[in-house]
Amino acid sequence: MKIYYSASISGGREYADIFRETVSFLKKYGDVLTEHIGAETLTAKGETTGSDKEILQRDIDWLEKADIIIADVTTPSLGVGYEIAYAIQRKIPVIACFYEKSGRRLSAMVAGNPQLKVYYYQNLIELFDKLSAIFSK
């Protein structure tokens, strides 16, 4: 299975530890195309290799190969929103994950969208239990 994991880069990296742990967890279930999202060296300044156009094309190529999109939507991100919309248009299943302890409110554009499933979580154990249930089917 090819998994596209989406999470904030430029929008903020305050939950980078969660992203890193989630990438490691998802590797048990398939090929995580976007493994770099969990990299400790990745900051809110973005990626340092490739132009914006090259990064966009690479990510579009990965999206088109993906069997499922797992998107952490805790930190508002234009890129994550774009990836979710792209996947929905192409009928790729999208699971959105929102860390409830963030103190943020999830956008109604995500929370109210019937074309994706939103999983709210309090900790990684809860998140991983919910994701395990998806991949066990």
C-alpha atoms as a PDB file:
ATOM      1  CA  MET A   1       0.000   0.000   0.000  1.00  0.00           C
ATOM      2  CA  LYS A   2       1.216   3.495  -0.837  1.00  0.00           C
ATOM      3  CA  ILE A   3       0.477   6.018   1.913  1.00  0.00           C
ATOM      4  CA  TYR A   4       0.670   9.778   1.444  1.00  0.00           C
ATOM      5  CA  TYR A   5       1.123  11.399   4.853  1.00  0.00           C
ATOM      6  CA  SER A   6       0.350  15.093   4.893  1.00  0.00           C
ATOM      7  CA  ALA A   7       1.126  17.529   7.713  1.00  0.00           C
ATOM      8  CA  SER A   8       2.136  21.144   8.112  1.00  0.00           C
ATOM      9  CA  ILE A   9       5.562  22.320   7.064  1.00  0.00           C
ATOM     10  CA  SER A  10       5.442  26.067   6.412  1.00  0.00           C
ATOM     11  CA  GLY A  11       2.340  26.522   8.569  1.00  0.00           C
ATOM     12  CA  GLY A  12       4.254  25.435  11.663  1.00  0.00           C
ATOM     13  CA  ARG A  13       6.203  22.489  13.022  1.00  0.00           C
ATOM     14  CA  GLU A  14       5.093  22.574  16.670  1.00  0.00           C
ATOM     15  CA  TYR A  15       3.768  19.002  16.342  1.00  0.00           C
ATOM     16  CA  ALA A  16       6.765  17.650  14.442  1.00  0.00           C
ATOM     17  CA  ASP A  17       7.261  14.939  17.100  1.00  0.00           C
ATOM     18  CA  ILE A  18       3.733  13.670  16.422  1.00  0.00           C
ATOM     19  CA  PHE A  19       4.408  13.765  12.676  1.00  0.00           C
ATOM     20  CA  ARG A  20       7.649  11.804  13.110  1.00  0.00           C
ATOM     21  CA  GLU A  21       5.987   9.141  15.272  1.00  0.00           C
ATOM     22  CA  THR A  22       3.072   8.870  12.851  1.00  0.00           C
ATOM     23  CA  VAL A  23       5.381   8.337   9.870  1.00  0.00           C
ATOM     24  CA  SER A  24       7.164   5.556  11.788  1.00  0.00           C
ATOM     25  CA  PHE A  25       3.826   3.967  12.681  1.00  0.00           C
ATOM     26  CA  LEU A  26       2.481   4.148   9.114  1.00  0.00           C
ATOM     27  CA  LYS A  27       5.567   2.370   7.753  1.00  0.00           C
ATOM     28  CA  LYS A  28       4.193  -0.834   9.301  1.00  0.00           C
ATOM     29  CA  TYR A  29       1.312  -0.683   6.834  1.00  0.00           C
ATOM     30  CA  GLY A  30       2.975   0.348   3.608  1.00  0.00           C
ATOM     31  CA  ASP A  31       5.311   2.632   1.723  1.00  0.00           C
ATOM     32  CA  VAL A  32       5.084   6.166   3.153  1.00  0.00           C
ATOM     33  CA  LEU A  33       5.707   8.314   0.102  1.00  0.00           C
ATOM     34  CA  THR A  34       6.177  11.473   2.171  1.00  0.00           C
ATOM     35  CA  GLU A  35       8.497  10.118   4.830  1.00  0.00           C
ATOM     36  CA  HIS A  36      10.351  13.456   4.928  1.00  0.00           C
ATOM     37  CA  ILE A  37       7.392  15.053   6.800  1.00  0.00           C
ATOM     38  CA  GLY A  38       8.759  13.436   9.959  1.00  0.00           C
ATOM     39  CA  ALA A  39      12.372  14.530   9.463  1.00  0.00           C
ATOM     40  CA  GLU A  40      13.915  16.337  12.419  1.00  0.00           C
ATOM     41  CA  THR A  41      15.764  18.638  10.031  1.00  0.00           C
ATOM     42  CA  LEU A  42      12.580  19.867   8.329  1.00  0.00           C
ATOM     43  CA  THR A  43      11.592  23.300   9.638  1.00  0.00           C
ATOM     44  CA  ALA A  44       8.816  25.804   8.939  1.00  0.00           C
ATOM     45  CA  LYS A  45      11.176  27.351   6.364  1.00  0.00           C
ATOM     46  CA  GLY A  46      10.384  24.374   4.164  1.00  0.00           C
ATOM     47  CA  GLU A  47      12.448  22.025   2.104  1.00  0.00           C
ATOM     48  CA  THR A  48      15.898  23.017   0.946  1.00  0.00           C
ATOM     49  CA  THR A  49      16.156  20.804  -2.126  1.00  0.00           C
ATOM     50  CA  GLY A  50      14.314  21.601  -5.321  1.00  0.00           C
ATOM     51  CA  SER A  51      12.419  24.609  -6.555  1.00  0.00           C
ATOM     52  CA  ASP A  52       8.818  25.257  -5.615  1.00  0.00           C
ATOM     53  CA  LYS A  53       7.720  23.906  -9.023  1.00  0.00           C
ATOM     54  CA  GLU A  54       9.797  20.750  -8.575  1.00  0.00           C
ATOM     55  CA  ILE A  55       8.385  20.147  -5.088  1.00  0.00           C
ATOM     56  CA  LEU A  56       4.839  20.692  -6.350  1.00  0.00           C
ATOM     57  CA  GLN A  57       5.319  18.238  -9.227  1.00  0.00           C
ATOM     58  CA  ARG A  58       6.952  15.632  -6.974  1.00  0.00           C
ATOM     59  CA  ASP A  59       4.083  15.870  -4.484  1.00  0.00           C
ATOM     60  CA  ILE A  60       1.439  15.665  -7.241  1.00  0.00           C
ATOM     61  CA  ASP A  61       3.187  12.551  -8.589  1.00  0.00           C
ATOM     62  CA  TRP A  62       3.108  11.012  -5.100  1.00  0.00           C
ATOM     63  CA  LEU A  63      -0.555  11.936  -4.609  1.00  0.00           C
ATOM     64  CA  GLU A  64      -1.441  10.205  -7.864  1.00  0.00           C
ATOM     65  CA  LYS A  65       0.371   7.042  -6.732  1.00  0.00           C
ATOM     66  CA  ALA A  66      -1.222   7.027  -3.270  1.00  0.00           C
ATOM     67  CA  ASP A  67      -3.815   4.490  -2.181  1.00  0.00           C
ATOM     68  CA  ILE A  68      -4.766   6.594   0.853  1.00  0.00           C
ATOM     69  CA  ILE A  69      -4.036  10.033   2.290  1.00  0.00           C
ATOM     70  CA  ILE A  70      -3.508  10.439   6.027  1.00  0.00           C
ATOM     71  CA  ALA A  71      -3.507  14.167   6.810  1.00  0.00           C
ATOM     72  CA  ASP A  72      -2.752  15.736  10.155  1.00  0.00           C
ATOM     73  CA  VAL A  73      -4.954  18.841  10.093  1.00  0.00           C
ATOM     74  CA  THR A  74      -4.120  20.163  13.558  1.00  0.00           C
ATOM     75  CA  THR A  75      -1.970  23.029  12.276  1.00  0.00           C
ATOM     76  CA  PRO A  76      -3.702  25.093   9.580  1.00  0.00           C
ATOM     77  CA  SER A  77      -1.784  24.638   6.327  1.00  0.00           C
ATOM     78  CA  LEU A  78      -2.531  25.767   2.784  1.00  0.00           C
ATOM     79  CA  GLY A  79      -0.494  22.860   1.429  1.00  0.00           C
ATOM     80  CA  VAL A  80      -2.340  20.229   3.451  1.00  0.00           C
ATOM     81  CA  GLY A  81      -5.674  21.729   2.385  1.00  0.00           C
ATOM     82  CA  TYR A  82      -4.568  21.654  -1.253  1.00  0.00           C
ATOM     83  CA  GLU A  83      -3.491  18.013  -0.948  1.00  0.00           C
ATOM     84  CA  ILE A  84      -6.803  17.034   0.646  1.00  0.00           C
ATOM     85  CA  ALA A  85      -8.810  18.770  -2.088  1.00  0.00           C
ATOM     86  CA  TYR A  86      -6.625  17.210  -4.792  1.00  0.00           C
ATOM     87  CA  ALA A  87      -7.161  13.744  -3.322  1.00  0.00           C
ATOM     88  CA  ILE A  88     -10.926  14.216  -2.973  1.00  0.00           C
ATOM     89  CA  GLN A  89     -11.164  15.295  -6.621  1.00  0.00           C
ATOM     90  CA  ARG A  90      -9.375  12.093  -7.626  1.00  0.00           C
ATOM     91  CA  LYS A  91     -11.438   9.898  -5.302  1.00  0.00           C
ATOM     92  CA  ILE A  92      -8.441   8.909  -3.151  1.00  0.00           C
ATOM     93  CA  PRO A  93      -9.601   8.098   0.411  1.00  0.00           C
ATOM     94  CA  VAL A  94      -8.627  10.787   2.921  1.00  0.00           C
ATOM     95  CA  ILE A  95      -8.355  10.387   6.686  1.00  0.00           C
ATOM     96  CA  ALA A  96      -7.900  13.675   8.549  1.00  0.00           C
ATOM     97  CA  CYS A  97      -6.430  13.558  12.051  1.00  0.00           C
ATOM     98  CA  PHE A  98      -6.877  16.380  14.560  1.00  0.00           C
ATOM     99  CA  TYR A  99      -5.079  16.653  17.908  1.00  0.00           C
ATOM    100  CA  GLU A 100      -7.781  17.869  20.290  1.00  0.00           C
ATOM    101  CA  LYS A 101      -5.351  19.141  22.923  1.00  0.00           C
ATOM    102  CA  SER A 102      -4.014  21.745  20.476  1.00  0.00           C
ATOM    103  CA  GLY A 103      -6.509  24.357  21.658  1.00  0.00           C
ATOM    104  CA  ARG A 104      -7.444  25.065  18.049  1.00  0.00           C
ATOM    105  CA  ARG A 105     -10.771  24.675  16.302  1.00  0.00           C
ATOM    106  CA  LEU A 106     -10.810  22.491  13.223  1.00  0.00           C
ATOM    107  CA  SER A 107     -11.960  24.302  10.094  1.00  0.00           C
ATOM    108  CA  ALA A 108     -15.555  23.558   9.099  1.00  0.00           C
ATOM    109  CA  MET A 109     -14.254  22.937   5.565  1.00  0.00           C
ATOM    110  CA  VAL A 110     -12.603  19.798   6.940  1.00  0.00           C
ATOM    111  CA  ALA A 111     -14.813  18.906   9.911  1.00  0.00           C
ATOM    112  CA  GLY A 112     -18.017  19.183   7.905  1.00  0.00           C
ATOM    113  CA  ASN A 113     -16.810  17.546   4.708  1.00  0.00           C
ATOM    114  CA  PRO A 114     -18.637  14.259   4.084  1.00  0.00           C
ATOM    115  CA  GLN A 115     -15.973  13.179   1.578  1.00  0.00           C
ATOM    116  CA  LEU A 116     -13.376  12.588   4.242  1.00  0.00           C
ATOM    117  CA  LYS A 117     -13.241  10.925   7.618  1.00  0.00           C
ATOM    118  CA  VAL A 118     -11.978  12.958  10.577  1.00  0.00           C
ATOM    119  CA  TYR A 119     -10.364  11.231  13.551  1.00  0.00           C
ATOM    120  CA  TYR A 120      -9.980  13.338  16.687  1.00  0.00           C
ATOM    121  CA  TYR A 121      -7.264  12.150  19.053  1.00  0.00           C
ATOM    122  CA  GLN A 122      -5.960  12.980  22.525  1.00  0.00           C
ATOM    123  CA  ASN A 123      -2.654  11.112  22.288  1.00  0.00           C
ATOM    124  CA  LEU A 124      -0.646   8.925  19.934  1.00  0.00           C
ATOM    125  CA  ILE A 125      -1.980   5.677  21.363  1.00  0.00           C
ATOM    126  CA  GLU A 126      -5.515   6.742  20.522  1.00  0.00           C
ATOM    127  CA  LEU A 127      -4.482   7.924  17.052  1.00  0.00           C
ATOM    128  CA  PHE A 128      -2.586   4.729  16.289  1.00  0.00           C
ATOM    129  CA  ASP A 129      -5.482   2.558  17.489  1.00  0.00           C
ATOM    130  CA  LYS A 130      -7.800   4.391  15.097  1.00  0.00           C
ATOM    131  CA  LEU A 131      -5.357   4.130  12.183  1.00  0.00           C
ATOM    132  CA  SER A 132      -4.711   0.448  12.912  1.00  0.00           C
ATOM    133  CA  ALA A 133      -8.427  -0.209  12.552  1.00  0.00           C
ATOM    134  CA  ILE A 134      -8.353   1.337   9.059  1.00  0.00           C
ATOM    135  CA  PHE A 135      -5.422  -0.707   7.859  1.00  0.00           C
ATOM    136  CA  SER A 136      -6.758  -3.916   9.388  1.00  0.00           C
ATOM    137  CA  LYS A 137      -9.758  -3.864   7.054  1.00  0.00           C
END
